[in-house]
Amino acid sequence: MKVRIPNQGGGNPQAMMRQITKLQEDMKTKQEELDAREYEVAAGGGMVKVKILGTKQITSVKIDPAVVSGEAEDIEMLEDMLVAAMNEAIETVERTNDEEMEKLTKAANLPNIPGLI
C-alpha cells in the first residue's frame, strides 16, 4: 500500500530557492529603505521632539524654550522627557522595521522552515 503525502507547498526545490533568493533581495532593499527613513516623536505634550533615522541614529533634539527655566525640578523634568522621547523614537523604528519585514515574509508564502531566511 502506498502512502500519499500531501503537498506542503515545497514541491519544486529550485522554485523555492528562487523565492528565497528574491525574498532576501527584497528584504535587503526594504532594510535600506527603512534605514534611510527619518521619524519624529514628541514627549511632554510636544515640548521635546526627537528625530531619529531608521538606523537608530538620533539626528536632532528640539526643546521648547518654555521647558527651560533653570529650576532644578524643571531640569529633572526635561531630562525625563528627553529619555522618554528617545526611547519612543527607538521603539518606533523597531516596530516599523518589524512590521515591514513581516509583510515581506508573509507575501513570499514560503513553507515554515526554521532558519530558512
PDB file of N, CA and C in Angstrom:
ATOM      1  N   MET A   1       0.844  -1.183   0.000  1.00  0.00           N
ATOM      2  CA  MET A   1       0.000   0.000   0.000  1.00  0.00           C
ATOM      3  C   MET A   1       0.882   1.237   0.000  1.00  0.00           C
ATOM      4  N   LYS A   2       0.601   2.138  -0.908  1.00  0.00           N
ATOM      5  CA  LYS A   2       1.366   3.373  -0.994  1.00  0.00           C
ATOM      6  C   LYS A   2       0.711   4.434  -0.125  1.00  0.00           C
ATOM      7  N   VAL A   3       1.553   5.157   0.568  1.00  0.00           N
ATOM      8  CA  VAL A   3       1.058   6.264   1.382  1.00  0.00           C
ATOM      9  C   VAL A   3       1.318   7.548   0.616  1.00  0.00           C
ATOM     10  N   ARG A   4       0.313   8.325   0.492  1.00  0.00           N
ATOM     11  CA  ARG A   4       0.447   9.582  -0.231  1.00  0.00           C
ATOM     12  C   ARG A   4       0.608  10.716   0.770  1.00  0.00           C
ATOM     13  N   ILE A   5       1.683  11.471   0.617  1.00  0.00           N
ATOM     14  CA  ILE A   5       1.941  12.610   1.499  1.00  0.00           C
ATOM     15  C   ILE A   5       1.433  13.857   0.795  1.00  0.00           C
ATOM     16  N   PRO A   6       0.576  14.619   1.461  1.00  0.00           N
ATOM     17  CA  PRO A   6       0.050  15.828   0.820  1.00  0.00           C
ATOM     18  C   PRO A   6       1.167  16.825   0.532  1.00  0.00           C
ATOM     19  N   ASN A   7       0.989  17.563  -0.552  1.00  0.00           N
ATOM     20  CA  ASN A   7       1.960  18.579  -0.956  1.00  0.00           C
ATOM     21  C   ASN A   7       1.948  19.713   0.060  1.00  0.00           C
ATOM     22  N   GLN A   8       3.097  19.987   0.637  1.00  0.00           N
ATOM     23  CA  GLN A   8       3.220  21.045   1.639  1.00  0.00           C
ATOM     24  C   GLN A   8       3.682  22.362   1.014  1.00  0.00           C
ATOM     25  N   GLY A   9       3.604  22.486  -0.293  1.00  0.00           N
ATOM     26  CA  GLY A   9       3.981  23.729  -0.940  1.00  0.00           C
ATOM     27  C   GLY A   9       5.457  23.803  -1.298  1.00  0.00           C
ATOM     28  N   GLY A  10       6.209  22.761  -1.010  1.00  0.00           N
ATOM     29  CA  GLY A  10       7.637  22.786  -1.292  1.00  0.00           C
ATOM     30  C   GLY A  10       7.996  21.879  -2.444  1.00  0.00           C
ATOM     31  N   GLY A  11       7.089  21.681  -3.397  1.00  0.00           N
ATOM     32  CA  GLY A  11       7.266  20.729  -4.467  1.00  0.00           C
ATOM     33  C   GLY A  11       8.536  20.881  -5.276  1.00  0.00           C
ATOM     34  N   ASN A  12       8.836  22.056  -5.749  1.00  0.00           N
ATOM     35  CA  ASN A  12       9.977  22.266  -6.620  1.00  0.00           C
ATOM     36  C   ASN A  12      11.072  22.996  -5.845  1.00  0.00           C
ATOM     37  N   PRO A  13      12.145  22.288  -5.493  1.00  0.00           N
ATOM     38  CA  PRO A  13      13.207  22.922  -4.700  1.00  0.00           C
ATOM     39  C   PRO A  13      13.862  24.110  -5.406  1.00  0.00           C
ATOM     40  N   GLN A  14      13.971  24.032  -6.739  1.00  0.00           N
ATOM     41  CA  GLN A  14      14.576  25.143  -7.480  1.00  0.00           C
ATOM     42  C   GLN A  14      13.689  26.380  -7.414  1.00  0.00           C
ATOM     43  N   ALA A  15      12.393  26.171  -7.537  1.00  0.00           N
ATOM     44  CA  ALA A  15      11.465  27.307  -7.450  1.00  0.00           C
ATOM     45  C   ALA A  15      11.501  27.909  -6.047  1.00  0.00           C
ATOM     46  N   MET A  16      11.600  27.036  -5.035  1.00  0.00           N
ATOM     47  CA  MET A  16      11.660  27.534  -3.662  1.00  0.00           C
ATOM     48  C   MET A  16      12.937  28.353  -3.451  1.00  0.00           C
ATOM     49  N   MET A  17      14.050  27.898  -4.009  1.00  0.00           N
ATOM     50  CA  MET A  17      15.308  28.639  -3.866  1.00  0.00           C
ATOM     51  C   MET A  17      15.225  29.991  -4.565  1.00  0.00           C
ATOM     52  N   ARG A  18      14.538  30.033  -5.721  1.00  0.00           N
ATOM     53  CA  ARG A  18      14.352  31.321  -6.404  1.00  0.00           C
ATOM     54  C   ARG A  18      13.526  32.261  -5.532  1.00  0.00           C
ATOM     55  N   GLN A  19      12.477  31.702  -4.903  1.00  0.00           N
ATOM     56  CA  GLN A  19      11.648  32.505  -4.000  1.00  0.00           C
ATOM     57  C   GLN A  19      12.469  33.033  -2.832  1.00  0.00           C
ATOM     58  N   ILE A  20      13.300  32.183  -2.266  1.00  0.00           N
ATOM     59  CA  ILE A  20      14.122  32.584  -1.122  1.00  0.00           C
ATOM     60  C   ILE A  20      15.104  33.674  -1.538  1.00  0.00           C
ATOM     61  N   THR A  21      15.739  33.484  -2.695  1.00  0.00           N
ATOM     62  CA  THR A  21      16.690  34.487  -3.184  1.00  0.00           C
ATOM     63  C   THR A  21      15.996  35.816  -3.417  1.00  0.00           C
ATOM     64  N   LYS A  22      14.807  35.770  -4.033  1.00  0.00           N
ATOM     65  CA  LYS A  22      14.056  37.013  -4.264  1.00  0.00           C
ATOM     66  C   LYS A  22      13.675  37.658  -2.945  1.00  0.00           C
ATOM     67  N   LEU A  23      13.230  36.852  -1.991  1.00  0.00           N
ATOM     68  CA  LEU A  23      12.849  37.391  -0.686  1.00  0.00           C
ATOM     69  C   LEU A  23      14.046  38.052  -0.012  1.00  0.00           C
ATOM     70  N   GLN A  24      15.207  37.416  -0.084  1.00  0.00           N
ATOM     71  CA  GLN A  24      16.406  38.006   0.518  1.00  0.00           C
ATOM     72  C   GLN A  24      16.747  39.342  -0.138  1.00  0.00           C
ATOM     73  N   GLU A  25      16.622  39.409  -1.466  1.00  0.00           N
ATOM     74  CA  GLU A  25      16.881  40.662  -2.180  1.00  0.00           C
ATOM     75  C   GLU A  25      15.865  41.726  -1.779  1.00  0.00           C
ATOM     76  N   ASP A  26      14.588  41.330  -1.701  1.00  0.00           N
ATOM     77  CA  ASP A  26      13.536  42.270  -1.301  1.00  0.00           C
ATOM     78  C   ASP A  26      13.759  42.773   0.124  1.00  0.00           C
ATOM     79  N   MET A  27      14.187  41.866   1.005  1.00  0.00           N
ATOM     80  CA  MET A  27      14.429  42.258   2.396  1.00  0.00           C
ATOM     81  C   MET A  27      15.609  43.224   2.493  1.00  0.00           C
ATOM     82  N   LYS A  28      16.636  42.992   1.693  1.00  0.00           N
ATOM     83  CA  LYS A  28      17.790  43.898   1.696  1.00  0.00           C
ATOM     84  C   LYS A  28      17.374  45.279   1.204  1.00  0.00           C
ATOM     85  N   THR A  29      16.596  45.318   0.122  1.00  0.00           N
ATOM     86  CA  THR A  29      16.115  46.587  -0.410  1.00  0.00           C
ATOM     87  C   THR A  29      15.243  47.302   0.612  1.00  0.00           C
ATOM     88  N   LYS A  30      14.338  46.561   1.253  1.00  0.00           N
ATOM     89  CA  LYS A  30      13.450  47.152   2.259  1.00  0.00           C
ATOM     90  C   LYS A  30      14.251  47.682   3.439  1.00  0.00           C
ATOM     91  N   GLN A  31      15.275  46.931   3.875  1.00  0.00           N
ATOM     92  CA  GLN A  31      16.085  47.386   5.014  1.00  0.00           C
ATOM     93  C   GLN A  31      16.812  48.682   4.671  1.00  0.00           C
ATOM     94  N   GLU A  32      17.320  48.793   3.444  1.00  0.00           N
ATOM     95  CA  GLU A  32      17.976  50.036   3.022  1.00  0.00           C
ATOM     96  C   GLU A  32      16.982  51.191   3.036  1.00  0.00           C
ATOM     97  N   GLU A  33      15.759  50.925   2.576  1.00  0.00           N
ATOM     98  CA  GLU A  33      14.707  51.946   2.585  1.00  0.00           C
ATOM     99  C   GLU A  33      14.371  52.356   4.022  1.00  0.00           C
ATOM    100  N   LEU A  34      14.229  51.377   4.895  1.00  0.00           N
ATOM    101  CA  LEU A  34      13.899  51.666   6.293  1.00  0.00           C
ATOM    102  C   LEU A  34      15.036  52.412   6.991  1.00  0.00           C
ATOM    103  N   ASP A  35      16.271  52.062   6.689  1.00  0.00           N
ATOM    104  CA  ASP A  35      17.417  52.748   7.289  1.00  0.00           C
ATOM    105  C   ASP A  35      17.446  54.227   6.907  1.00  0.00           C
ATOM    106  N   ALA A  36      16.980  54.547   5.701  1.00  0.00           N
ATOM    107  CA  ALA A  36      17.011  55.931   5.224  1.00  0.00           C
ATOM    108  C   ALA A  36      15.853  56.776   5.763  1.00  0.00           C
ATOM    109  N   ARG A  37      14.821  56.153   6.298  1.00  0.00           N
ATOM    110  CA  ARG A  37      13.672  56.907   6.819  1.00  0.00           C
ATOM    111  C   ARG A  37      14.055  57.739   8.033  1.00  0.00           C
ATOM    112  N   GLU A  38      13.345  58.873   8.183  1.00  0.00           N
ATOM    113  CA  GLU A  38      13.520  59.689   9.377  1.00  0.00           C
ATOM    114  C   GLU A  38      12.178  59.777  10.086  1.00  0.00           C
ATOM    115  N   TYR A  39      12.198  59.594  11.381  1.00  0.00           N
ATOM    116  CA  TYR A  39      10.999  59.628  12.210  1.00  0.00           C
ATOM    117  C   TYR A  39      11.122  60.795  13.183  1.00  0.00           C
ATOM    118  N   GLU A  40       9.972  61.363  13.558  1.00  0.00           N
ATOM    119  CA  GLU A  40       9.966  62.389  14.599  1.00  0.00           C
ATOM    120  C   GLU A  40       8.948  61.984  15.653  1.00  0.00           C
ATOM    121  N   VAL A  41       9.376  61.985  16.894  1.00  0.00           N
ATOM    122  CA  VAL A  41       8.472  61.685  18.001  1.00  0.00           C
ATOM    123  C   VAL A  41       8.571  62.812  19.011  1.00  0.00           C
ATOM    124  N   ALA A  42       7.522  62.929  19.829  1.00  0.00           N
ATOM    125  CA  ALA A  42       7.477  64.003  20.822  1.00  0.00           C
ATOM    126  C   ALA A  42       7.148  63.433  22.190  1.00  0.00           C
ATOM    127  N   ALA A  43       7.568  64.154  23.206  1.00  0.00           N
ATOM    128  CA  ALA A  43       7.253  63.796  24.591  1.00  0.00           C
ATOM    129  C   ALA A  43       6.887  65.078  25.330  1.00  0.00           C
ATOM    130  N   GLY A  44       6.241  64.900  26.465  1.00  0.00           N
ATOM    131  CA  GLY A  44       5.877  66.065  27.263  1.00  0.00           C
ATOM    132  C   GLY A  44       4.921  66.988  26.537  1.00  0.00           C
ATOM    133  N   GLY A  45       3.966  66.397  25.831  1.00  0.00           N
ATOM    134  CA  GLY A  45       2.995  67.219  25.108  1.00  0.00           C
ATOM    135  C   GLY A  45       3.613  68.014  23.975  1.00  0.00           C
ATOM    136  N   GLY A  46       4.672  67.509  23.394  1.00  0.00           N
ATOM    137  CA  GLY A  46       5.321  68.181  22.268  1.00  0.00           C
ATOM    138  C   GLY A  46       6.422  69.144  22.692  1.00  0.00           C
ATOM    139  N   MET A  47       6.717  69.194  23.975  1.00  0.00           N
ATOM    140  CA  MET A  47       7.744  70.130  24.449  1.00  0.00           C
ATOM    141  C   MET A  47       9.160  69.644  24.130  1.00  0.00           C
ATOM    142  N   VAL A  48       9.316  68.351  23.908  1.00  0.00           N
ATOM    143  CA  VAL A  48      10.596  67.780  23.482  1.00  0.00           C
ATOM    144  C   VAL A  48      10.318  66.933  22.244  1.00  0.00           C
ATOM    145  N   LYS A  49      11.071  67.201  21.169  1.00  0.00           N
ATOM    146  CA  LYS A  49      10.920  66.439  19.929  1.00  0.00           C
ATOM    147  C   LYS A  49      12.267  65.847  19.549  1.00  0.00           C
ATOM    148  N   VAL A  50      12.218  64.602  19.119  1.00  0.00           N
ATOM    149  CA  VAL A  50      13.433  63.892  18.725  1.00  0.00           C
ATOM    150  C   VAL A  50      13.241  63.374  17.308  1.00  0.00           C
ATOM    151  N   LYS A  51      14.271  63.576  16.477  1.00  0.00           N
ATOM    152  CA  LYS A  51      14.290  62.983  15.142  1.00  0.00           C
ATOM    153  C   LYS A  51      15.324  61.869  15.154  1.00  0.00           C
ATOM    154  N   ILE A  52      14.946  60.752  14.524  1.00  0.00           N
ATOM    155  CA  ILE A  52      15.813  59.572  14.500  1.00  0.00           C
ATOM    156  C   ILE A  52      15.729  58.923  13.120  1.00  0.00           C
ATOM    157  N   LEU A  53      16.860  58.407  12.661  1.00  0.00           N
ATOM    158  CA  LEU A  53      16.894  57.669  11.402  1.00  0.00           C
ATOM    159  C   LEU A  53      16.515  56.217  11.647  1.00  0.00           C
ATOM    160  N   GLY A  54      16.219  55.518  10.582  1.00  0.00           N
ATOM    161  CA  GLY A  54      15.909  54.100  10.676  1.00  0.00           C
ATOM    162  C   GLY A  54      17.069  53.271  11.197  1.00  0.00           C
ATOM    163  N   THR A  55      18.259  53.831  11.173  1.00  0.00           N
ATOM    164  CA  THR A  55      19.443  53.157  11.717  1.00  0.00           C
ATOM    165  C   THR A  55      19.556  53.360  13.221  1.00  0.00           C
ATOM    166  N   LYS A  56      18.575  54.031  13.801  1.00  0.00           N
ATOM    167  CA  LYS A  56      18.501  54.357  15.236  1.00  0.00           C
ATOM    168  C   LYS A  56      19.515  55.418  15.645  1.00  0.00           C
ATOM    169  N   GLN A  57      19.921  56.240  14.686  1.00  0.00           N
ATOM    170  CA  GLN A  57      20.820  57.352  14.983  1.00  0.00           C
ATOM    171  C   GLN A  57      19.973  58.601  15.204  1.00  0.00           C
ATOM    172  N   ILE A  58      20.118  59.222  16.377  1.00  0.00           N
ATOM    173  CA  ILE A  58      19.393  60.454  16.684  1.00  0.00           C
ATOM    174  C   ILE A  58      20.001  61.565  15.840  1.00  0.00           C
ATOM    175  N   THR A  59      19.150  62.301  15.096  1.00  0.00           N
ATOM    176  CA  THR A  59      19.662  63.382  14.252  1.00  0.00           C
ATOM    177  C   THR A  59      19.398  64.759  14.843  1.00  0.00           C
ATOM    178  N   SER A  60      18.369  64.885  15.686  1.00  0.00           N
ATOM    179  CA  SER A  60      18.151  66.177  16.336  1.00  0.00           C
ATOM    180  C   SER A  60      17.244  66.036  17.546  1.00  0.00           C
ATOM    181  N   VAL A  61      17.408  66.984  18.456  1.00  0.00           N
ATOM    182  CA  VAL A  61      16.558  67.097  19.637  1.00  0.00           C
ATOM    183  C   VAL A  61      16.139  68.556  19.722  1.00  0.00           C
ATOM    184  N   LYS A  62      14.840  68.804  19.780  1.00  0.00           N
ATOM    185  CA  LYS A  62      14.306  70.168  19.905  1.00  0.00           C
ATOM    186  C   LYS A  62      13.591  70.281  21.240  1.00  0.00           C
ATOM    187  N   ILE A  63      13.890  71.353  21.953  1.00  0.00           N
ATOM    188  CA  ILE A  63      13.292  71.585  23.266  1.00  0.00           C
ATOM    189  C   ILE A  63      12.567  72.919  23.240  1.00  0.00           C
ATOM    190  N   ASP A  64      11.304  72.902  23.639  1.00  0.00           N
ATOM    191  CA  ASP A  64      10.525  74.135  23.739  1.00  0.00           C
ATOM    192  C   ASP A  64      11.172  75.010  24.811  1.00  0.00           C
ATOM    193  N   PRO A  65      11.476  76.273  24.500  1.00  0.00           N
ATOM    194  CA  PRO A  65      12.123  77.155  25.476  1.00  0.00           C
ATOM    195  C   PRO A  65      11.352  77.294  26.789  1.00  0.00           C
ATOM    196  N   ALA A  66      10.059  77.082  26.766  1.00  0.00           N
ATOM    197  CA  ALA A  66       9.262  77.203  27.988  1.00  0.00           C
ATOM    198  C   ALA A  66       9.654  76.149  29.024  1.00  0.00           C
ATOM    199  N   VAL A  67      10.266  75.062  28.580  1.00  0.00           N
ATOM    200  CA  VAL A  67      10.643  73.982  29.492  1.00  0.00           C
ATOM    201  C   VAL A  67      11.838  74.383  30.356  1.00  0.00           C
ATOM    202  N   VAL A  68      12.700  75.220  29.825  1.00  0.00           N
ATOM    203  CA  VAL A  68      13.959  75.530  30.489  1.00  0.00           C
ATOM    204  C   VAL A  68      13.853  76.858  31.246  1.00  0.00           C
ATOM    205  N   SER A  69      13.564  76.761  32.533  1.00  0.00           N
ATOM    206  CA  SER A  69      13.519  77.977  33.349  1.00  0.00           C
ATOM    207  C   SER A  69      14.679  78.029  34.322  1.00  0.00           C
ATOM    208  N   GLY A  70      15.424  76.929  34.414  1.00  0.00           N
ATOM    209  CA  GLY A  70      16.601  76.915  35.263  1.00  0.00           C
ATOM    210  C   GLY A  70      16.392  76.317  36.635  1.00  0.00           C
ATOM    211  N   GLU A  71      15.171  76.059  37.012  1.00  0.00           N
ATOM    212  CA  GLU A  71      14.930  75.460  38.323  1.00  0.00           C
ATOM    213  C   GLU A  71      15.247  73.969  38.267  1.00  0.00           C
ATOM    214  N   ALA A  72      15.717  73.448  39.382  1.00  0.00           N
ATOM    215  CA  ALA A  72      16.158  72.051  39.429  1.00  0.00           C
ATOM    216  C   ALA A  72      15.063  71.086  39.007  1.00  0.00           C
ATOM    217  N   GLU A  73      13.829  71.308  39.474  1.00  0.00           N
ATOM    218  CA  GLU A  73      12.761  70.375  39.105  1.00  0.00           C
ATOM    219  C   GLU A  73      12.433  70.456  37.622  1.00  0.00           C
ATOM    220  N   ASP A  74      12.607  71.654  37.007  1.00  0.00           N
ATOM    221  CA  ASP A  74      12.379  71.779  35.568  1.00  0.00           C
ATOM    222  C   ASP A  74      13.438  71.009  34.784  1.00  0.00           C
ATOM    223  N   ILE A  75      14.667  71.071  35.236  1.00  0.00           N
ATOM    224  CA  ILE A  75      15.747  70.351  34.563  1.00  0.00           C
ATOM    225  C   ILE A  75      15.527  68.846  34.689  1.00  0.00           C
ATOM    226  N   GLU A  76      15.116  68.403  35.849  1.00  0.00           N
ATOM    227  CA  GLU A  76      14.832  66.982  36.052  1.00  0.00           C
ATOM    228  C   GLU A  76      13.681  66.531  35.153  1.00  0.00           C
ATOM    229  N   MET A  77      12.650  67.366  35.038  1.00  0.00           N
ATOM    230  CA  MET A  77      11.524  67.049  34.168  1.00  0.00           C
ATOM    231  C   MET A  77      11.992  66.972  32.711  1.00  0.00           C
ATOM    232  N   LEU A  78      12.845  67.910  32.305  1.00  0.00           N
ATOM    233  CA  LEU A  78      13.380  67.916  30.950  1.00  0.00           C
ATOM    234  C   LEU A  78      14.174  66.639  30.678  1.00  0.00           C
ATOM    235  N   GLU A  79      14.987  66.233  31.617  1.00  0.00           N
ATOM    236  CA  GLU A  79      15.759  65.001  31.455  1.00  0.00           C
ATOM    237  C   GLU A  79      14.835  63.804  31.271  1.00  0.00           C
ATOM    238  N   ASP A  80      13.765  63.749  32.045  1.00  0.00           N
ATOM    239  CA  ASP A  80      12.796  62.654  31.916  1.00  0.00           C
ATOM    240  C   ASP A  80      12.127  62.669  30.545  1.00  0.00           C
ATOM    241  N   MET A  81      11.781  63.870  30.063  1.00  0.00           N
ATOM    242  CA  MET A  81      11.143  63.975  28.746  1.00  0.00           C
ATOM    243  C   MET A  81      12.103  63.559  27.638  1.00  0.00           C
ATOM    244  N   LEU A  82      13.371  63.914  27.765  1.00  0.00           N
ATOM    245  CA  LEU A  82      14.362  63.512  26.762  1.00  0.00           C
ATOM    246  C   LEU A  82      14.491  61.995  26.695  1.00  0.00           C
ATOM    247  N   VAL A  83      14.586  61.369  27.843  1.00  0.00           N
ATOM    248  CA  VAL A  83      14.682  59.905  27.886  1.00  0.00           C
ATOM    249  C   VAL A  83      13.436  59.282  27.259  1.00  0.00           C
ATOM    250  N   ALA A  84      12.263  59.796  27.619  1.00  0.00           N
ATOM    251  CA  ALA A  84      11.006  59.251  27.082  1.00  0.00           C
ATOM    252  C   ALA A  84      10.944  59.412  25.565  1.00  0.00           C
ATOM    253  N   ALA A  85      11.328  60.582  25.069  1.00  0.00           N
ATOM    254  CA  ALA A  85      11.272  60.830  23.629  1.00  0.00           C
ATOM    255  C   ALA A  85      12.248  59.932  22.874  1.00  0.00           C
ATOM    256  N   MET A  86      13.445  59.778  23.394  1.00  0.00           N
ATOM    257  CA  MET A  86      14.435  58.936  22.711  1.00  0.00           C
ATOM    258  C   MET A  86      14.021  57.467  22.729  1.00  0.00           C
ATOM    259  N   ASN A  87      13.507  57.003  23.846  1.00  0.00           N
ATOM    260  CA  ASN A  87      13.034  55.615  23.903  1.00  0.00           C
ATOM    261  C   ASN A  87      11.873  55.392  22.945  1.00  0.00           C
ATOM    262  N   GLU A  88      10.961  56.339  22.867  1.00  0.00           N
ATOM    263  CA  GLU A  88       9.827  56.228  21.942  1.00  0.00           C
ATOM    264  C   GLU A  88      10.326  56.222  20.503  1.00  0.00           C
ATOM    265  N   ALA A  89      11.327  57.037  20.206  1.00  0.00           N
ATOM    266  CA  ALA A  89      11.881  57.079  18.853  1.00  0.00           C
ATOM    267  C   ALA A  89      12.464  55.719  18.467  1.00  0.00           C
ATOM    268  N   ILE A  90      13.228  55.129  19.356  1.00  0.00           N
ATOM    269  CA  ILE A  90      13.832  53.818  19.082  1.00  0.00           C
ATOM    270  C   ILE A  90      12.749  52.754  18.915  1.00  0.00           C
ATOM    271  N   GLU A  91      11.740  52.774  19.779  1.00  0.00           N
ATOM    272  CA  GLU A  91      10.642  51.804  19.676  1.00  0.00           C
ATOM    273  C   GLU A  91       9.886  51.969  18.364  1.00  0.00           C
ATOM    274  N   THR A  92       9.710  53.212  17.906  1.00  0.00           N
ATOM    275  CA  THR A  92       9.022  53.471  16.641  1.00  0.00           C
ATOM    276  C   THR A  92       9.792  52.856  15.481  1.00  0.00           C
ATOM    277  N   VAL A  93      11.095  53.049  15.457  1.00  0.00           N
ATOM    278  CA  VAL A  93      11.929  52.476  14.395  1.00  0.00           C
ATOM    279  C   VAL A  93      11.849  50.950  14.423  1.00  0.00           C
ATOM    280  N   GLU A  94      12.015  50.354  15.594  1.00  0.00           N
ATOM    281  CA  GLU A  94      11.991  48.892  15.700  1.00  0.00           C
ATOM    282  C   GLU A  94      10.638  48.318  15.293  1.00  0.00           C
ATOM    283  N   ARG A  95       9.553  48.942  15.738  1.00  0.00           N
ATOM    284  CA  ARG A  95       8.210  48.463  15.409  1.00  0.00           C
ATOM    285  C   ARG A  95       7.968  48.540  13.903  1.00  0.00           C
ATOM    286  N   THR A  96       8.347  49.666  13.287  1.00  0.00           N
ATOM    287  CA  THR A  96       8.153  49.828  11.846  1.00  0.00           C
ATOM    288  C   THR A  96       8.981  48.806  11.073  1.00  0.00           C
ATOM    289  N   ASN A  97      10.233  48.626  11.467  1.00  0.00           N
ATOM    290  CA  ASN A  97      11.084  47.635  10.789  1.00  0.00           C
ATOM    291  C   ASN A  97      10.480  46.237  10.878  1.00  0.00           C
ATOM    292  N   ASP A  98      10.042  45.841  12.068  1.00  0.00           N
ATOM    293  CA  ASP A  98       9.443  44.516  12.252  1.00  0.00           C
ATOM    294  C   ASP A  98       8.199  44.341  11.384  1.00  0.00           C
ATOM    295  N   GLU A  99       7.332  45.357  11.360  1.00  0.00           N
ATOM    296  CA  GLU A  99       6.092  45.269  10.575  1.00  0.00           C
ATOM    297  C   GLU A  99       6.385  45.147   9.087  1.00  0.00           C
ATOM    298  N   GLU A 100       7.332  45.936   8.585  1.00  0.00           N
ATOM    299  CA  GLU A 100       7.652  45.910   7.158  1.00  0.00           C
ATOM    300  C   GLU A 100       8.284  44.579   6.745  1.00  0.00           C
ATOM    301  N   MET A 101       9.164  44.045   7.563  1.00  0.00           N
ATOM    302  CA  MET A 101       9.796  42.765   7.237  1.00  0.00           C
ATOM    303  C   MET A 101       8.790  41.621   7.320  1.00  0.00           C
ATOM    304  N   GLU A 102       7.871  41.701   8.264  1.00  0.00           N
ATOM    305  CA  GLU A 102       6.839  40.670   8.381  1.00  0.00           C
ATOM    306  C   GLU A 102       5.957  40.650   7.138  1.00  0.00           C
ATOM    307  N   LYS A 103       5.649  41.835   6.585  1.00  0.00           N
ATOM    308  CA  LYS A 103       4.854  41.903   5.353  1.00  0.00           C
ATOM    309  C   LYS A 103       5.564  41.160   4.222  1.00  0.00           C
ATOM    310  N   LEU A 104       6.874  41.366   4.109  1.00  0.00           N
ATOM    311  CA  LEU A 104       7.634  40.702   3.041  1.00  0.00           C
ATOM    312  C   LEU A 104       7.627  39.189   3.198  1.00  0.00           C
ATOM    313  N   THR A 105       7.865  38.710   4.406  1.00  0.00           N
ATOM    314  CA  THR A 105       7.941  37.261   4.592  1.00  0.00           C
ATOM    315  C   THR A 105       6.582  36.602   4.398  1.00  0.00           C
ATOM    316  N   LYS A 106       5.506  37.279   4.798  1.00  0.00           N
ATOM    317  CA  LYS A 106       4.166  36.715   4.570  1.00  0.00           C
ATOM    318  C   LYS A 106       3.850  36.679   3.084  1.00  0.00           C
ATOM    319  N   ALA A 107       4.248  37.730   2.357  1.00  0.00           N
ATOM    320  CA  ALA A 107       3.967  37.802   0.925  1.00  0.00           C
ATOM    321  C   ALA A 107       4.723  36.724   0.151  1.00  0.00           C
ATOM    322  N   ALA A 108       5.857  36.274   0.664  1.00  0.00           N
ATOM    323  CA  ALA A 108       6.652  35.256  -0.031  1.00  0.00           C
ATOM    324  C   ALA A 108       5.971  33.896  -0.006  1.00  0.00           C
ATOM    325  N   ASN A 109       5.109  33.658   0.982  1.00  0.00           N
ATOM    326  CA  ASN A 109       4.330  32.424   1.082  1.00  0.00           C
ATOM    327  C   ASN A 109       5.204  31.172   1.023  1.00  0.00           C
ATOM    328  N   LEU A 110       6.306  31.203   1.752  1.00  0.00           N
ATOM    329  CA  LEU A 110       7.197  30.046   1.811  1.00  0.00           C
ATOM    330  C   LEU A 110       6.774  29.131   2.952  1.00  0.00           C
ATOM    331  N   PRO A 111       7.114  27.849   2.858  1.00  0.00           N
ATOM    332  CA  PRO A 111       6.801  26.954   3.972  1.00  0.00           C
ATOM    333  C   PRO A 111       7.582  27.378   5.212  1.00  0.00           C
ATOM    334  N   ASN A 112       7.037  27.090   6.362  1.00  0.00           N
ATOM    335  CA  ASN A 112       7.663  27.479   7.622  1.00  0.00           C
ATOM    336  C   ASN A 112       8.791  26.512   7.960  1.00  0.00           C
ATOM    337  N   ILE A 113      10.000  26.873   7.537  1.00  0.00           N
ATOM    338  CA  ILE A 113      11.176  26.063   7.825  1.00  0.00           C
ATOM    339  C   ILE A 113      12.105  26.928   8.671  1.00  0.00           C
ATOM    340  N   PRO A 114      12.291  26.579   9.942  1.00  0.00           N
ATOM    341  CA  PRO A 114      13.142  27.391  10.820  1.00  0.00           C
ATOM    342  C   PRO A 114      14.536  27.599  10.231  1.00  0.00           C
ATOM    343  N   GLY A 115      15.011  28.845  10.279  1.00  0.00           N
ATOM    344  CA  GLY A 115      16.345  29.172   9.791  1.00  0.00           C
ATOM    345  C   GLY A 115      16.436  29.317   8.287  1.00  0.00           C
ATOM    346  N   LEU A 116      15.303  29.244   7.593  1.00  0.00           N
ATOM    347  CA  LEU A 116      15.302  29.322   6.137  1.00  0.00           C
ATOM    348  C   LEU A 116      15.760  30.686   5.655  1.00  0.00           C
ATOM    349  N   ILE A 117      15.336  31.733   6.350  1.00  0.00           N
ATOM    350  CA  ILE A 117      15.659  33.096   5.915  1.00  0.00           C
ATOM    351  C   ILE A 117      16.443  33.783   6.995  1.00  0.00           C
TER     352      ILE A 117
END
